[in-house]
Amino acid sequence: MLKRHHLLIANKFHEETIDRLDQQYQTHHLWKLTESRKKLLIESLEGQCRLVATASWNTDPLIYNLKSLKLIACFGVGIDGIDLITIRNRGVRVTNTPDVLTDAVADLAMGLLLSTSRNLVNADKFVRTGSWQKGAFPFGSGLAGKTLGIAGLGRIGLAIAQRAEAFKLKIEYHSRSKVNQPYGYHPSLEALATASDFFLCVLPGGDFTKNRIGKNIFKKIGPAGIFINIGRGSCVDEEALAQSLSNGDLGAAGLDVYSREPEVNPTLTTLSNVVLLPHIGSATIETREAMGQLVIDNLNAEICNKKLISEVKN
């Protein structure tokens, strides 16, 4: 029954999920085509295709030319890659994949915090290069008793806070509004940075947060402080970050997201006081399978006129 329904897949996001969609729907792989053929495909699907599947962080703007579009099923949580103003005016609904990736991303955040505070990446290199025979490795910084400031205490931020408590960290946070949690609230990012030994960004992308974390924030975190970003790369002024790490205004950083992925600021790649990961926050086998299943379930719900599993409401 589903096979007769057209599904436009805007870009490559998870091979196993795309394979399953290929089996269930009459799929069209937009990202494989030249620009001229993409436009021809969109025209040919007019009146026939109401479904789009795409990565949440980036999509092809040509999908908005589908006048029959009814649902955009996103693989991922943050939907800053979707033009919500355009589609909401047309009554198009959007789904994402929340909750199923919360644990994986929170685990990785703690891994980055440990990697930077204890200098684990350089310690590994220290052993592999034979430097251990020449002397002891420099001391790192412990977590217990320190303050972790979390910028964005949503699902993922809260999961990180719960893990951090087990490490005897004091939790403080900044969000758009106070939440019903037993943590210290700060009305601004600047105030949070001043109070934090470790500053962890879980902010969403978008115009409101673009380059929100810059030189001033890094100075307040300080030369003994650590900055972690598992939110969105667009939130950070990467030039200011590289400069702050280079001149000692900021002690260290751990990054899983960047402003122009997969490109990384070249200065960052030369620094030994930053840990760089290739956006793998949700990259566990179990998590990606669960995300893919949620994409499929939302598409099937739309076709069967059932309630969407994870519709984005605002």
C-alpha atoms as a PDB file:
ATOM      1  CA  MET A   1       0.000   0.000   0.000  1.00  0.00           C
ATOM      2  CA  LEU A   2       2.731   2.463   0.942  1.00  0.00           C
ATOM      3  CA  LYS A   3       4.779   1.670  -2.170  1.00  0.00           C
ATOM      4  CA  ARG A   4       2.437   3.679  -4.373  1.00  0.00           C
ATOM      5  CA  HIS A   5       3.142   6.842  -2.373  1.00  0.00           C
ATOM      6  CA  HIS A   6       5.920   9.133  -3.583  1.00  0.00           C
ATOM      7  CA  LEU A   7       8.599  10.211  -1.106  1.00  0.00           C
ATOM      8  CA  LEU A   8      11.238  12.817  -1.904  1.00  0.00           C
ATOM      9  CA  ILE A   9      14.466  12.242   0.051  1.00  0.00           C
ATOM     10  CA  ALA A  10      16.271  15.572   0.018  1.00  0.00           C
ATOM     11  CA  ASN A  11      19.719  14.499   1.164  1.00  0.00           C
ATOM     12  CA  LYS A  12      21.725  11.590   2.483  1.00  0.00           C
ATOM     13  CA  PHE A  13      21.367  11.139   6.238  1.00  0.00           C
ATOM     14  CA  HIS A  14      21.307   7.456   7.336  1.00  0.00           C
ATOM     15  CA  GLU A  15      21.849   4.710   4.788  1.00  0.00           C
ATOM     16  CA  GLU A  16      19.911   1.986   6.588  1.00  0.00           C
ATOM     17  CA  THR A  17      16.878   4.230   7.017  1.00  0.00           C
ATOM     18  CA  ILE A  18      16.997   5.305   3.381  1.00  0.00           C
ATOM     19  CA  ASP A  19      17.206   1.643   2.323  1.00  0.00           C
ATOM     20  CA  ARG A  20      14.084   0.885   4.355  1.00  0.00           C
ATOM     21  CA  LEU A  21      12.272   3.871   2.868  1.00  0.00           C
ATOM     22  CA  ASP A  22      13.237   2.674  -0.621  1.00  0.00           C
ATOM     23  CA  GLN A  23      11.486  -0.608   0.144  1.00  0.00           C
ATOM     24  CA  GLN A  24       8.313   1.005   1.477  1.00  0.00           C
ATOM     25  CA  TYR A  25       7.828   4.044  -0.754  1.00  0.00           C
ATOM     26  CA  GLN A  26       8.348   5.163  -4.304  1.00  0.00           C
ATOM     27  CA  THR A  27      11.414   7.195  -3.418  1.00  0.00           C
ATOM     28  CA  HIS A  28      13.284   9.900  -5.294  1.00  0.00           C
ATOM     29  CA  HIS A  29      16.855  10.731  -4.216  1.00  0.00           C
ATOM     30  CA  LEU A  30      17.140  14.462  -4.829  1.00  0.00           C
ATOM     31  CA  TRP A  31      20.766  14.814  -3.688  1.00  0.00           C
ATOM     32  CA  LYS A  32      22.043  12.467  -6.411  1.00  0.00           C
ATOM     33  CA  LEU A  33      20.887  14.720  -9.254  1.00  0.00           C
ATOM     34  CA  THR A  34      22.347  17.746 -11.001  1.00  0.00           C
ATOM     35  CA  GLU A  35      20.650  21.079 -10.341  1.00  0.00           C
ATOM     36  CA  SER A  36      18.807  21.023 -13.665  1.00  0.00           C
ATOM     37  CA  ARG A  37      17.548  17.474 -13.122  1.00  0.00           C
ATOM     38  CA  LYS A  38      16.489  18.320  -9.577  1.00  0.00           C
ATOM     39  CA  LYS A  39      14.171  21.017 -10.912  1.00  0.00           C
ATOM     40  CA  LEU A  40      12.732  18.636 -13.490  1.00  0.00           C
ATOM     41  CA  LEU A  41      12.074  16.064 -10.787  1.00  0.00           C
ATOM     42  CA  ILE A  42      10.274  18.590  -8.590  1.00  0.00           C
ATOM     43  CA  GLU A  43       8.093  19.592 -11.537  1.00  0.00           C
ATOM     44  CA  SER A  44       7.298  15.962 -12.360  1.00  0.00           C
ATOM     45  CA  LEU A  45       6.221  15.253  -8.777  1.00  0.00           C
ATOM     46  CA  GLU A  46       3.762  18.142  -8.621  1.00  0.00           C
ATOM     47  CA  GLY A  47       0.408  16.915  -7.354  1.00  0.00           C
ATOM     48  CA  GLN A  48       1.830  13.474  -6.589  1.00  0.00           C
ATOM     49  CA  CYS A  49       4.312  13.908  -3.738  1.00  0.00           C
ATOM     50  CA  ARG A  50       3.328  15.203  -0.321  1.00  0.00           C
ATOM     51  CA  LEU A  51       6.179  13.683   1.697  1.00  0.00           C
ATOM     52  CA  VAL A  52       9.792  14.753   2.191  1.00  0.00           C
ATOM     53  CA  ALA A  53      12.454  13.090   4.347  1.00  0.00           C
ATOM     54  CA  THR A  54      15.582  15.089   5.123  1.00  0.00           C
ATOM     55  CA  ALA A  55      18.386  15.721   7.563  1.00  0.00           C
ATOM     56  CA  SER A  56      17.152  18.260  10.105  1.00  0.00           C
ATOM     57  CA  TRP A  57      20.289  20.413  10.085  1.00  0.00           C
ATOM     58  CA  ASN A  58      20.382  20.970   6.328  1.00  0.00           C
ATOM     59  CA  THR A  59      18.093  20.449   3.383  1.00  0.00           C
ATOM     60  CA  ASP A  60      17.684  21.406  -0.265  1.00  0.00           C
ATOM     61  CA  PRO A  61      15.523  24.548  -0.623  1.00  0.00           C
ATOM     62  CA  LEU A  62      14.007  23.052  -3.764  1.00  0.00           C
ATOM     63  CA  ILE A  63      11.753  20.949  -1.545  1.00  0.00           C
ATOM     64  CA  TYR A  64       9.696  24.079  -0.868  1.00  0.00           C
ATOM     65  CA  ASN A  65       8.741  24.157  -4.556  1.00  0.00           C
ATOM     66  CA  LEU A  66       6.579  21.065  -4.024  1.00  0.00           C
ATOM     67  CA  LYS A  67       3.140  22.649  -3.936  1.00  0.00           C
ATOM     68  CA  SER A  68       1.569  19.386  -2.769  1.00  0.00           C
ATOM     69  CA  LEU A  69       3.948  19.117   0.204  1.00  0.00           C
ATOM     70  CA  LYS A  70       2.254  18.173   3.492  1.00  0.00           C
ATOM     71  CA  LEU A  71       4.976  16.728   5.732  1.00  0.00           C
ATOM     72  CA  ILE A  72       8.724  17.145   6.193  1.00  0.00           C
ATOM     73  CA  ALA A  73      10.057  14.265   8.301  1.00  0.00           C
ATOM     74  CA  CYS A  74      13.412  15.291   9.738  1.00  0.00           C
ATOM     75  CA  PHE A  75      16.198  12.966  10.823  1.00  0.00           C
ATOM     76  CA  GLY A  76      17.589  14.828  13.839  1.00  0.00           C
ATOM     77  CA  VAL A  77      16.324  17.092  16.606  1.00  0.00           C
ATOM     78  CA  GLY A  78      17.422  20.641  15.770  1.00  0.00           C
ATOM     79  CA  ILE A  79      15.445  21.910  12.790  1.00  0.00           C
ATOM     80  CA  ASP A  80      17.410  25.076  12.055  1.00  0.00           C
ATOM     81  CA  GLY A  81      17.959  23.753   8.523  1.00  0.00           C
ATOM     82  CA  ILE A  82      14.232  24.023   7.800  1.00  0.00           C
ATOM     83  CA  ASP A  83      12.541  27.248   6.641  1.00  0.00           C
ATOM     84  CA  LEU A  84       9.687  27.144   9.137  1.00  0.00           C
ATOM     85  CA  ILE A  85       8.203  30.488   8.110  1.00  0.00           C
ATOM     86  CA  THR A  86       7.755  29.377   4.508  1.00  0.00           C
ATOM     87  CA  ILE A  87       6.202  26.021   5.291  1.00  0.00           C
ATOM     88  CA  ARG A  88       4.016  27.061   8.217  1.00  0.00           C
ATOM     89  CA  ASN A  89       2.297  29.646   6.030  1.00  0.00           C
ATOM     90  CA  ARG A  90       1.382  26.756   3.740  1.00  0.00           C
ATOM     91  CA  GLY A  91       0.194  24.417   6.471  1.00  0.00           C
ATOM     92  CA  VAL A  92       3.094  22.000   6.049  1.00  0.00           C
ATOM     93  CA  ARG A  93       3.898  20.001   9.179  1.00  0.00           C
ATOM     94  CA  VAL A  94       7.340  19.033  10.451  1.00  0.00           C
ATOM     95  CA  THR A  95       8.510  16.129  12.577  1.00  0.00           C
ATOM     96  CA  ASN A  96      11.881  15.470  14.176  1.00  0.00           C
ATOM     97  CA  THR A  97      13.490  12.712  16.251  1.00  0.00           C
ATOM     98  CA  PRO A  98      13.665  13.864  19.894  1.00  0.00           C
ATOM     99  CA  ASP A  99      14.231  11.751  23.004  1.00  0.00           C
ATOM    100  CA  VAL A 100      15.773   8.754  21.230  1.00  0.00           C
ATOM    101  CA  LEU A 101      19.144  10.512  20.928  1.00  0.00           C
ATOM    102  CA  THR A 102      19.190  12.212  24.325  1.00  0.00           C
ATOM    103  CA  ASP A 103      21.270   9.591  26.123  1.00  0.00           C
ATOM    104  CA  ALA A 104      23.854   9.233  23.358  1.00  0.00           C
ATOM    105  CA  VAL A 105      24.458  12.981  23.106  1.00  0.00           C
ATOM    106  CA  ALA A 106      24.587  13.409  26.882  1.00  0.00           C
ATOM    107  CA  ASP A 107      27.110  10.572  27.144  1.00  0.00           C
ATOM    108  CA  LEU A 108      29.301  12.214  24.518  1.00  0.00           C
ATOM    109  CA  ALA A 109      29.135  15.562  26.304  1.00  0.00           C
ATOM    110  CA  MET A 110      30.532  13.961  29.442  1.00  0.00           C
ATOM    111  CA  GLY A 111      33.173  12.228  27.340  1.00  0.00           C
ATOM    112  CA  LEU A 112      34.287  15.577  25.930  1.00  0.00           C
ATOM    113  CA  LEU A 113      34.364  17.098  29.391  1.00  0.00           C
ATOM    114  CA  LEU A 114      36.588  14.309  30.692  1.00  0.00           C
ATOM    115  CA  SER A 115      38.766  14.382  27.570  1.00  0.00           C
ATOM    116  CA  THR A 116      39.460  18.092  27.950  1.00  0.00           C
ATOM    117  CA  SER A 117      39.727  18.324  31.735  1.00  0.00           C
ATOM    118  CA  ARG A 118      42.092  15.356  31.998  1.00  0.00           C
ATOM    119  CA  ASN A 119      43.781  15.977  28.622  1.00  0.00           C
ATOM    120  CA  LEU A 120      43.107  12.393  27.524  1.00  0.00           C
ATOM    121  CA  VAL A 121      43.793  12.798  23.805  1.00  0.00           C
ATOM    122  CA  ASN A 122      47.241  14.248  24.438  1.00  0.00           C
ATOM    123  CA  ALA A 123      47.870  11.619  27.121  1.00  0.00           C
ATOM    124  CA  ASP A 124      47.237   8.885  24.565  1.00  0.00           C
ATOM    125  CA  LYS A 125      49.665  10.552  22.152  1.00  0.00           C
ATOM    126  CA  PHE A 126      52.172  10.916  25.012  1.00  0.00           C
ATOM    127  CA  VAL A 127      52.267   7.141  25.462  1.00  0.00           C
ATOM    128  CA  ARG A 128      52.265   6.271  21.747  1.00  0.00           C
ATOM    129  CA  THR A 129      55.206   8.570  20.947  1.00  0.00           C
ATOM    130  CA  GLY A 130      57.392   7.202  23.730  1.00  0.00           C
ATOM    131  CA  SER A 131      57.328  10.440  25.731  1.00  0.00           C
ATOM    132  CA  TRP A 132      56.400   8.622  28.933  1.00  0.00           C
ATOM    133  CA  GLN A 133      59.926   7.260  29.195  1.00  0.00           C
ATOM    134  CA  LYS A 134      61.219  10.830  29.295  1.00  0.00           C
ATOM    135  CA  GLY A 135      59.051  12.129  32.128  1.00  0.00           C
ATOM    136  CA  ALA A 136      55.605  12.409  33.671  1.00  0.00           C
ATOM    137  CA  PHE A 137      52.531  13.681  31.851  1.00  0.00           C
ATOM    138  CA  PRO A 138      51.204  17.102  33.023  1.00  0.00           C
ATOM    139  CA  PHE A 139      48.391  17.143  35.556  1.00  0.00           C
ATOM    140  CA  GLY A 140      44.804  17.660  34.468  1.00  0.00           C
ATOM    141  CA  SER A 141      41.837  19.152  36.292  1.00  0.00           C
ATOM    142  CA  GLY A 142      39.368  17.152  38.394  1.00  0.00           C
ATOM    143  CA  LEU A 143      35.599  17.497  38.120  1.00  0.00           C
ATOM    144  CA  ALA A 144      34.388  16.987  41.681  1.00  0.00           C
ATOM    145  CA  GLY A 145      33.419  20.205  43.425  1.00  0.00           C
ATOM    146  CA  LYS A 146      33.621  22.317  40.257  1.00  0.00           C
ATOM    147  CA  THR A 147      30.739  24.179  38.613  1.00  0.00           C
ATOM    148  CA  LEU A 148      29.299  23.061  35.290  1.00  0.00           C
ATOM    149  CA  GLY A 149      27.310  25.766  33.533  1.00  0.00           C
ATOM    150  CA  ILE A 150      24.830  24.430  30.989  1.00  0.00           C
ATOM    151  CA  ALA A 151      23.525  26.795  28.324  1.00  0.00           C
ATOM    152  CA  GLY A 152      20.192  25.280  27.343  1.00  0.00           C
ATOM    153  CA  LEU A 153      18.518  23.008  29.890  1.00  0.00           C
ATOM    154  CA  GLY A 154      16.181  21.101  27.590  1.00  0.00           C
ATOM    155  CA  ARG A 155      16.002  17.315  27.280  1.00  0.00           C
ATOM    156  CA  ILE A 156      19.685  16.899  26.468  1.00  0.00           C
ATOM    157  CA  GLY A 157      20.867  19.571  28.888  1.00  0.00           C
ATOM    158  CA  LEU A 158      18.943  17.934  31.711  1.00  0.00           C
ATOM    159  CA  ALA A 159      20.350  14.497  30.855  1.00  0.00           C
ATOM    160  CA  ILE A 160      23.859  15.972  30.987  1.00  0.00           C
ATOM    161  CA  ALA A 161      23.117  17.598  34.343  1.00  0.00           C
ATOM    162  CA  GLN A 162      21.959  14.279  35.777  1.00  0.00           C
ATOM    163  CA  ARG A 163      25.160  12.577  34.640  1.00  0.00           C
ATOM    164  CA  ALA A 164      27.308  15.445  35.885  1.00  0.00           C
ATOM    165  CA  GLU A 165      25.814  15.185  39.357  1.00  0.00           C
ATOM    166  CA  ALA A 166      27.265  11.678  39.607  1.00  0.00           C
ATOM    167  CA  PHE A 167      30.690  13.283  39.099  1.00  0.00           C
ATOM    168  CA  LYS A 168      29.950  15.602  42.055  1.00  0.00           C
ATOM    169  CA  LEU A 169      29.717  18.674  39.853  1.00  0.00           C
ATOM    170  CA  LYS A 170      27.620  21.651  40.899  1.00  0.00           C
ATOM    171  CA  ILE A 171      25.079  22.415  38.161  1.00  0.00           C
ATOM    172  CA  GLU A 172      24.005  25.888  37.084  1.00  0.00           C
ATOM    173  CA  TYR A 173      22.235  26.874  33.885  1.00  0.00           C
ATOM    174  CA  HIS A 174      20.803  29.477  31.551  1.00  0.00           C
ATOM    175  CA  SER A 175      17.645  28.948  29.492  1.00  0.00           C
ATOM    176  CA  ARG A 176      15.031  31.256  28.034  1.00  0.00           C
ATOM    177  CA  SER A 177      13.093  30.750  31.264  1.00  0.00           C
ATOM    178  CA  LYS A 178      13.567  29.031  34.601  1.00  0.00           C
ATOM    179  CA  VAL A 179      12.788  25.324  34.771  1.00  0.00           C
ATOM    180  CA  ASN A 180      11.541  23.295  37.697  1.00  0.00           C
ATOM    181  CA  GLN A 181      14.906  21.771  38.566  1.00  0.00           C
ATOM    182  CA  PRO A 182      17.127  22.156  41.655  1.00  0.00           C
ATOM    183  CA  TYR A 183      19.896  23.998  39.820  1.00  0.00           C
ATOM    184  CA  GLY A 184      21.103  27.582  39.979  1.00  0.00           C
ATOM    185  CA  TYR A 185      19.591  29.795  37.272  1.00  0.00           C
ATOM    186  CA  HIS A 186      21.410  32.675  35.563  1.00  0.00           C
ATOM    187  CA  PRO A 187      19.505  35.274  33.512  1.00  0.00           C
ATOM    188  CA  SER A 188      22.254  35.614  30.885  1.00  0.00           C
ATOM    189  CA  LEU A 189      24.996  33.590  29.230  1.00  0.00           C
ATOM    190  CA  GLU A 190      27.525  36.101  30.516  1.00  0.00           C
ATOM    191  CA  ALA A 191      26.453  35.560  34.114  1.00  0.00           C
ATOM    192  CA  LEU A 192      26.564  31.796  33.637  1.00  0.00           C
ATOM    193  CA  ALA A 193      30.055  31.962  32.125  1.00  0.00           C
ATOM    194  CA  THR A 194      31.334  34.002  35.058  1.00  0.00           C
ATOM    195  CA  ALA A 195      30.033  31.399  37.517  1.00  0.00           C
ATOM    196  CA  SER A 196      31.301  28.350  35.604  1.00  0.00           C
ATOM    197  CA  ASP A 197      34.490  26.319  35.674  1.00  0.00           C
ATOM    198  CA  PHE A 198      33.165  24.346  32.716  1.00  0.00           C
ATOM    199  CA  PHE A 199      30.709  25.885  30.237  1.00  0.00           C
ATOM    200  CA  LEU A 200      28.659  23.494  28.107  1.00  0.00           C
ATOM    201  CA  CYS A 201      26.614  24.708  25.142  1.00  0.00           C
ATOM    202  CA  VAL A 202      23.432  22.832  24.232  1.00  0.00           C
ATOM    203  CA  LEU A 203      21.811  25.796  22.472  1.00  0.00           C
ATOM    204  CA  PRO A 204      19.781  25.271  19.284  1.00  0.00           C
ATOM    205  CA  GLY A 205      20.739  26.902  16.015  1.00  0.00           C
ATOM    206  CA  GLY A 206      18.962  29.786  14.311  1.00  0.00           C
ATOM    207  CA  ASP A 207      19.259  33.543  13.980  1.00  0.00           C
ATOM    208  CA  PHE A 208      18.623  34.167  17.678  1.00  0.00           C
ATOM    209  CA  THR A 209      21.678  32.177  18.798  1.00  0.00           C
ATOM    210  CA  LYS A 210      24.007  32.814  15.842  1.00  0.00           C
ATOM    211  CA  ASN A 211      27.516  33.722  17.092  1.00  0.00           C
ATOM    212  CA  ARG A 212      25.994  34.265  20.534  1.00  0.00           C
ATOM    213  CA  ILE A 213      29.032  32.767  22.249  1.00  0.00           C
ATOM    214  CA  GLY A 214      32.135  34.811  21.525  1.00  0.00           C
ATOM    215  CA  LYS A 215      35.175  36.537  22.944  1.00  0.00           C
ATOM    216  CA  ASN A 216      33.372  38.049  25.929  1.00  0.00           C
ATOM    217  CA  ILE A 217      31.993  34.681  27.036  1.00  0.00           C
ATOM    218  CA  PHE A 218      35.355  32.939  26.651  1.00  0.00           C
ATOM    219  CA  LYS A 219      37.078  35.584  28.769  1.00  0.00           C
ATOM    220  CA  LYS A 220      34.531  35.066  31.519  1.00  0.00           C
ATOM    221  CA  ILE A 221      35.027  31.287  31.442  1.00  0.00           C
ATOM    222  CA  GLY A 222      38.708  32.082  31.901  1.00  0.00           C
ATOM    223  CA  PRO A 223      42.189  30.638  31.345  1.00  0.00           C
ATOM    224  CA  ALA A 224      41.503  27.680  33.647  1.00  0.00           C
ATOM    225  CA  GLY A 225      38.034  27.101  32.210  1.00  0.00           C
ATOM    226  CA  ILE A 226      36.764  24.704  29.579  1.00  0.00           C
ATOM    227  CA  PHE A 227      34.176  25.256  26.834  1.00  0.00           C
ATOM    228  CA  ILE A 228      32.198  22.310  25.416  1.00  0.00           C
ATOM    229  CA  ASN A 229      29.831  22.539  22.432  1.00  0.00           C
ATOM    230  CA  ILE A 230      27.460  19.734  21.497  1.00  0.00           C
ATOM    231  CA  GLY A 231      24.613  22.089  20.501  1.00  0.00           C
ATOM    232  CA  ARG A 232      25.057  23.878  17.175  1.00  0.00           C
ATOM    233  CA  GLY A 233      28.253  25.238  15.644  1.00  0.00           C
ATOM    234  CA  SER A 234      26.457  28.368  14.479  1.00  0.00           C
ATOM    235  CA  CYS A 235      26.104  29.479  18.119  1.00  0.00           C
ATOM    236  CA  VAL A 236      29.855  30.061  18.386  1.00  0.00           C
ATOM    237  CA  ASP A 237      32.131  32.714  16.918  1.00  0.00           C
ATOM    238  CA  GLU A 238      34.820  30.236  15.879  1.00  0.00           C
ATOM    239  CA  GLU A 239      37.412  32.885  15.094  1.00  0.00           C
ATOM    240  CA  ALA A 240      37.044  34.244  18.621  1.00  0.00           C
ATOM    241  CA  LEU A 241      37.220  30.702  20.003  1.00  0.00           C
ATOM    242  CA  ALA A 242      40.447  29.942  18.147  1.00  0.00           C
ATOM    243  CA  GLN A 243      41.961  33.242  19.277  1.00  0.00           C
ATOM    244  CA  SER A 244      40.916  32.714  22.909  1.00  0.00           C
ATOM    245  CA  LEU A 245      42.418  29.225  22.960  1.00  0.00           C
ATOM    246  CA  SER A 246      45.612  30.498  21.342  1.00  0.00           C
ATOM    247  CA  ASN A 247      46.209  33.481  23.622  1.00  0.00           C
ATOM    248  CA  GLY A 248      45.239  31.775  26.872  1.00  0.00           C
ATOM    249  CA  ASP A 249      41.981  33.617  27.548  1.00  0.00           C
ATOM    250  CA  LEU A 250      40.303  30.186  27.508  1.00  0.00           C
ATOM    251  CA  GLY A 251      41.903  27.052  28.903  1.00  0.00           C
ATOM    252  CA  ALA A 252      40.537  24.324  26.628  1.00  0.00           C
ATOM    253  CA  ALA A 253      37.608  23.326  24.443  1.00  0.00           C
ATOM    254  CA  GLY A 254      35.831  20.199  23.286  1.00  0.00           C
ATOM    255  CA  LEU A 255      33.762  20.438  20.096  1.00  0.00           C
ATOM    256  CA  ASP A 256      31.406  18.088  18.289  1.00  0.00           C
ATOM    257  CA  VAL A 257      29.734  20.722  16.100  1.00  0.00           C
ATOM    258  CA  TYR A 258      30.997  23.468  13.788  1.00  0.00           C
ATOM    259  CA  SER A 259      29.582  26.410  11.885  1.00  0.00           C
ATOM    260  CA  ARG A 260      30.428  25.078   8.397  1.00  0.00           C
ATOM    261  CA  GLU A 261      30.518  21.321   8.709  1.00  0.00           C
ATOM    262  CA  PRO A 262      32.403  19.347   7.574  1.00  0.00           C
ATOM    263  CA  GLU A 263      34.864  22.255   7.324  1.00  0.00           C
ATOM    264  CA  VAL A 264      36.660  23.131  10.545  1.00  0.00           C
ATOM    265  CA  ASN A 265      38.420  26.375  11.385  1.00  0.00           C
ATOM    266  CA  PRO A 266      42.042  25.618  10.370  1.00  0.00           C
ATOM    267  CA  THR A 267      43.518  27.260  13.467  1.00  0.00           C
ATOM    268  CA  LEU A 268      41.532  24.928  15.715  1.00  0.00           C
ATOM    269  CA  THR A 269      43.106  21.887  14.069  1.00  0.00           C
ATOM    270  CA  THR A 270      46.591  23.091  15.042  1.00  0.00           C
ATOM    271  CA  LEU A 271      45.867  23.572  18.760  1.00  0.00           C
ATOM    272  CA  SER A 272      46.631  20.963  21.402  1.00  0.00           C
ATOM    273  CA  ASN A 273      44.136  22.361  23.921  1.00  0.00           C
ATOM    274  CA  VAL A 274      41.041  21.499  21.907  1.00  0.00           C
ATOM    275  CA  VAL A 275      39.411  18.111  21.268  1.00  0.00           C
ATOM    276  CA  LEU A 276      37.681  17.913  17.880  1.00  0.00           C
ATOM    277  CA  LEU A 277      35.005  15.337  17.032  1.00  0.00           C
ATOM    278  CA  PRO A 278      33.192  14.913  13.663  1.00  0.00           C
ATOM    279  CA  HIS A 279      29.613  15.585  14.878  1.00  0.00           C
ATOM    280  CA  ILE A 280      29.065  12.146  16.373  1.00  0.00           C
ATOM    281  CA  GLY A 281      26.793  13.090  19.276  1.00  0.00           C
ATOM    282  CA  SER A 282      24.037  10.700  18.213  1.00  0.00           C
ATOM    283  CA  ALA A 283      26.303   8.354  16.273  1.00  0.00           C
ATOM    284  CA  THR A 284      25.665   5.065  18.010  1.00  0.00           C
ATOM    285  CA  ILE A 285      24.163   2.116  16.176  1.00  0.00           C
ATOM    286  CA  GLU A 286      21.214   1.960  18.539  1.00  0.00           C
ATOM    287  CA  THR A 287      20.460   5.677  18.437  1.00  0.00           C
ATOM    288  CA  ARG A 288      20.606   6.071  14.674  1.00  0.00           C
ATOM    289  CA  GLU A 289      18.339   3.047  14.224  1.00  0.00           C
ATOM    290  CA  ALA A 290      15.832   4.550  16.659  1.00  0.00           C
ATOM    291  CA  MET A 291      15.999   7.922  14.885  1.00  0.00           C
ATOM    292  CA  GLY A 292      15.382   6.231  11.557  1.00  0.00           C
ATOM    293  CA  GLN A 293      12.428   4.312  12.941  1.00  0.00           C
ATOM    294  CA  LEU A 294      10.894   7.555  14.160  1.00  0.00           C
ATOM    295  CA  VAL A 295      11.234   9.096  10.693  1.00  0.00           C
ATOM    296  CA  ILE A 296       9.496   6.060   9.188  1.00  0.00           C
ATOM    297  CA  ASP A 297       6.759   6.017  11.836  1.00  0.00           C
ATOM    298  CA  ASN A 298       5.967   9.686  11.230  1.00  0.00           C
ATOM    299  CA  LEU A 299       5.770   9.215   7.462  1.00  0.00           C
ATOM    300  CA  ASN A 300       3.521   6.176   7.866  1.00  0.00           C
ATOM    301  CA  ALA A 301       1.301   8.080  10.301  1.00  0.00           C
ATOM    302  CA  GLU A 302       0.817  10.867   7.755  1.00  0.00           C
ATOM    303  CA  ILE A 303      -0.148   8.408   5.024  1.00  0.00           C
ATOM    304  CA  CYS A 304      -2.557   6.558   7.317  1.00  0.00           C
ATOM    305  CA  ASN A 305      -4.102   9.812   8.609  1.00  0.00           C
ATOM    306  CA  LYS A 306      -2.969   9.068  12.152  1.00  0.00           C
ATOM    307  CA  LYS A 307      -1.503  11.406  14.739  1.00  0.00           C
ATOM    308  CA  LEU A 308       2.143  12.235  14.063  1.00  0.00           C
ATOM    309  CA  ILE A 309       4.515  10.722  16.610  1.00  0.00           C
ATOM    310  CA  SER A 310       6.801  13.710  17.092  1.00  0.00           C
ATOM    311  CA  GLU A 311       5.413  16.808  15.404  1.00  0.00           C
ATOM    312  CA  VAL A 312       7.303  20.051  15.972  1.00  0.00           C
ATOM    313  CA  LYS A 313       4.706  22.465  17.302  1.00  0.00           C
ATOM    314  CA  ASN A 314       6.668  25.729  17.591  1.00  0.00           C
END
